[in-house]
Protein backbone atom coordinates (compact mmCIF):
# COMPACT_ATOMS: atom_id res chain seq x y z
CA MET A 1 24.82 7.64 9.57
CA SER A 2 21.52 7.41 8.15
CA ARG A 3 20.40 9.77 5.81
CA ILE A 4 16.81 8.48 5.99
CA GLY A 5 16.87 8.63 9.51
CA ASN A 6 18.17 12.05 10.15
CA ALA A 7 15.80 14.21 7.55
CA PRO A 8 13.24 15.80 9.74
CA ILE A 9 9.33 15.22 9.03
CA ASN A 10 7.67 18.25 7.99
CA ILE A 11 3.87 18.14 9.82
CA PRO A 12 1.35 19.81 7.28
CA GLN A 13 -1.42 21.68 8.68
CA GLY A 14 -4.42 20.05 9.72
CA VAL A 15 -1.89 17.17 11.27
CA GLU A 16 -1.34 16.74 15.31
CA VAL A 17 1.53 13.85 15.97
CA LYS A 18 1.29 12.81 19.62
CA VAL A 19 4.03 10.86 21.52
CA GLU A 20 3.23 8.76 24.65
CA ASN A 21 5.49 6.16 26.08
CA GLY A 22 6.92 5.03 22.93
CA LEU A 23 3.48 5.38 20.95
CA VAL A 24 3.38 7.73 17.84
CA THR A 25 -0.52 9.06 17.40
CA VAL A 26 -0.98 10.86 14.07
CA LYS A 27 -4.38 12.22 13.49
CA GLY A 28 -5.50 13.90 10.68
CA PRO A 29 -8.43 14.72 8.19
CA LYS A 30 -8.21 11.11 6.79
CA GLY A 31 -8.21 9.19 9.78
CA GLU A 32 -6.18 8.24 12.79
CA LEU A 33 -3.09 5.63 13.03
CA SER A 34 -0.66 4.40 15.67
CA GLN A 35 3.08 3.12 15.60
CA LYS A 36 4.74 1.49 18.35
CA VAL A 37 8.63 2.83 18.37
CA ASP A 38 11.76 0.82 19.65
CA GLU A 39 13.02 1.67 23.24
CA ALA A 40 16.61 2.29 21.45
CA LEU A 41 14.78 5.55 19.82
CA THR A 42 13.34 8.53 20.76
CA VAL A 43 10.95 10.60 18.87
CA GLU A 44 10.48 14.27 19.58
CA VAL A 45 7.61 16.61 18.00
CA GLU A 46 9.26 20.26 17.57
CA GLY A 47 7.01 22.88 15.70
CA ASN A 48 5.63 21.49 12.82
CA GLU A 49 8.60 19.33 12.25
CA VAL A 50 9.33 15.60 13.82
CA ASN A 51 12.65 14.15 14.59
CA VAL A 52 13.80 10.80 15.34
CA LYS A 53 17.02 9.87 17.30
CA ARG A 54 19.10 6.98 18.08
CA HIS A 55 20.80 6.57 21.40
CA THR A 56 23.56 4.13 20.09
CA GLU A 57 25.63 3.32 16.93
CA GLU A 58 25.14 -0.35 16.89
CA ILE A 59 24.05 -1.33 13.68
CA PRO A 60 20.51 -3.12 14.72
CA HIS A 61 19.83 0.72 16.07
CA LYS A 62 20.71 2.19 12.85
CA ALA A 63 18.73 -0.22 11.08
CA LYS A 64 15.72 0.82 12.86
CA HIS A 65 16.28 4.45 12.92
CA GLY A 66 15.43 4.80 8.97
CA LEU A 67 12.76 2.40 9.34
CA TYR A 68 10.48 3.77 12.23
CA ARG A 69 11.18 7.34 10.48
CA ALA A 70 10.27 6.35 7.27
CA LEU A 71 6.83 4.57 9.03
CA ILE A 72 6.14 7.99 10.91
CA SER A 73 6.49 9.92 7.49
CA ASN A 74 3.72 7.31 5.75
CA MET A 75 1.51 7.90 8.47
CA VAL A 76 1.55 11.69 8.13
CA VAL A 77 1.10 11.65 4.43
CA GLY A 78 -1.44 9.17 5.00
CA VAL A 79 -3.34 11.04 7.13
CA SER A 80 -3.02 14.20 5.05
CA GLU A 81 -3.14 13.16 1.51
CA GLY A 82 -4.23 9.41 1.58
CA TYR A 83 -2.96 6.53 -0.60
CA LYS A 84 -4.70 5.30 -4.20
CA THR A 85 -3.63 1.62 -5.78
CA VAL A 86 -5.24 0.98 -8.90
CA GLN A 87 -5.21 -2.36 -10.50
CA GLU A 88 -6.10 -4.02 -13.64
CA LEU A 89 -8.06 -7.40 -14.50
CA VAL A 90 -6.92 -8.52 -17.85
CA GLY A 91 -8.02 -11.36 -19.40
CA VAL A 92 -11.49 -12.50 -21.50
CA GLY A 93 -14.86 -12.32 -19.19
CA TYR A 94 -12.75 -11.06 -15.78
CA ARG A 95 -14.88 -8.85 -14.32
CA ALA A 96 -15.29 -6.86 -10.70
CA SER A 97 -17.79 -4.88 -8.80
CA ASN A 98 -18.21 -3.90 -5.34
CA THR A 99 -21.13 -3.75 -2.46
CA GLY A 100 -19.82 -2.12 0.01
CA GLN A 101 -16.90 -3.27 1.66
CA ASN A 102 -17.60 -6.74 -0.36
CA LEU A 103 -14.86 -6.95 -3.42
CA GLU A 104 -16.77 -9.67 -6.03
CA LEU A 105 -14.49 -10.89 -8.70
CA SER A 106 -15.15 -13.03 -11.74
CA LEU A 107 -11.79 -14.61 -12.41
CA GLY A 108 -12.34 -17.61 -14.77
CA PHE A 109 -12.60 -19.82 -11.88
CA SER A 110 -15.81 -21.93 -11.60
CA HIS A 111 -17.22 -19.72 -8.86
CA ASN A 112 -16.85 -15.90 -8.50
CA VAL A 113 -14.74 -15.15 -5.86
CA VAL A 114 -15.67 -12.79 -2.83
CA PHE A 115 -13.24 -10.69 -1.10
CA GLN A 116 -13.99 -8.81 2.23
CA LEU A 117 -12.50 -5.53 2.71
CA PRO A 118 -11.58 -3.99 5.84
CA ASN A 119 -13.19 -1.20 7.03
CA GLU A 120 -10.22 1.32 6.34
CA ILE A 121 -10.47 0.53 2.75
CA LYS A 122 -12.74 2.11 0.08
CA VAL A 123 -13.14 0.50 -2.84
CA THR A 124 -14.40 1.42 -6.34
CA THR A 125 -14.31 -0.61 -9.59
CA GLN A 126 -14.88 0.92 -13.02
CA THR A 127 -16.01 -1.24 -16.22
CA GLU A 128 -15.44 1.08 -19.61
CA ARG A 129 -15.93 -1.00 -23.14
CA GLY A 130 -12.85 -1.50 -25.01
CA LYS A 131 -10.91 -1.28 -22.05
CA ASN A 132 -9.70 -3.48 -19.15
CA PRO A 133 -11.85 -3.51 -15.86
CA THR A 134 -9.95 -1.43 -12.91
CA ILE A 135 -9.97 -1.78 -8.85
CA ILE A 136 -9.32 1.22 -7.38
CA LEU A 137 -8.19 1.08 -3.59
CA GLU A 138 -8.01 4.16 -1.05
CA SER A 139 -6.90 4.24 2.28
CA HIS A 140 -4.76 6.42 4.97
CA ASP A 141 -2.75 3.57 6.05
CA LYS A 142 -0.05 2.81 3.71
CA GLN A 143 0.95 -0.87 4.93
CA LEU A 144 -2.96 -2.16 5.05
CA ILE A 145 -3.70 -0.68 1.19
CA GLY A 146 -0.52 -2.58 0.21
CA HIS A 147 -1.40 -5.81 1.88
CA VAL A 148 -5.05 -5.97 0.45
CA ALA A 149 -3.68 -5.19 -3.24
CA ALA A 150 -1.14 -7.80 -2.79
CA LYS A 151 -3.68 -10.36 -1.73
CA ILE A 152 -6.30 -9.53 -4.17
CA ARG A 153 -3.22 -9.85 -7.02
CA SER A 154 -2.12 -13.21 -5.68
CA LEU A 155 -6.06 -14.41 -6.26
CA ARG A 156 -4.76 -14.71 -10.17
CA LYS A 157 -1.47 -13.36 -10.95
CA PRO A 158 0.00 -12.12 -14.05
CA GLU A 159 0.74 -15.46 -16.45
CA PRO A 160 4.13 -14.48 -18.44
CA TYR A 161 2.81 -16.07 -22.06
CA LYS A 162 -0.50 -13.70 -22.44
CA GLY A 163 -0.29 -11.56 -19.41
CA LYS A 164 -3.77 -12.98 -18.08
CA GLY A 165 -4.33 -11.91 -14.51
CA ILE A 166 -4.39 -9.06 -12.41
CA LYS A 167 -1.80 -6.94 -12.05
CA PHE A 168 -0.82 -2.96 -11.06
CA GLU A 169 -1.37 -0.50 -13.31
CA GLY A 170 1.86 0.61 -15.09
CA GLU A 171 2.88 -2.68 -14.26
CA GLN A 172 5.44 -3.86 -16.70
CA LEU A 173 5.23 -7.57 -17.17
CA ARG A 174 8.33 -10.06 -18.54
CA ARG A 175 6.57 -12.09 -21.12
CA LYS A 176 7.88 -15.28 -22.43
CA ALA A 177 7.99 -16.21 -25.98
CA GLY A 178 5.43 -19.10 -26.52
CA LYS A 179 6.50 -22.33 -28.48
CA SER A 180 8.65 -21.84 -31.67
CA ALA A 181 7.63 -23.36 -34.74
CA ALA A 182 8.20 -27.04 -35.88
CA LYS A 183 11.50 -27.51 -36.88
CA LYS A 184 13.17 -29.16 -39.95
């Protein structure tokens, strides 16, 4: 029995959910998203709730039950509230600036890295004196914003000795001790 899959999804005001031929489309004030649902599941819209039901008790169908319910829930939250990711650039001389959908990063390489962002993502950069530069990504698509944030982080992952690199805000890094003193 899937607890996640059986939980109904509440539809907030201003959000519209349509189901046609296994394709779930969610429209809201922040945008529109769609997701193809597996044939083993049915999605029903009843009043201001969405229910995902499975036809059989087979293990793959049970797994997909919770997955698709979570995906649809993320779509509803995304088009109504949106998602936000904040990343910090830790390191001397690390900088970030944006012009439109181009994110220009200075990460200690011989050249600046220019990262082209999709149109669905809104980017802002902040640089305050005495604080690390930050990159703020906002979007209605949780999967896309997570993918783009991971790609940006992969340009310069935080290293374990000094912690230099691109990290998520609030992320706890596992630090290693450096070289120990010479033994007698």
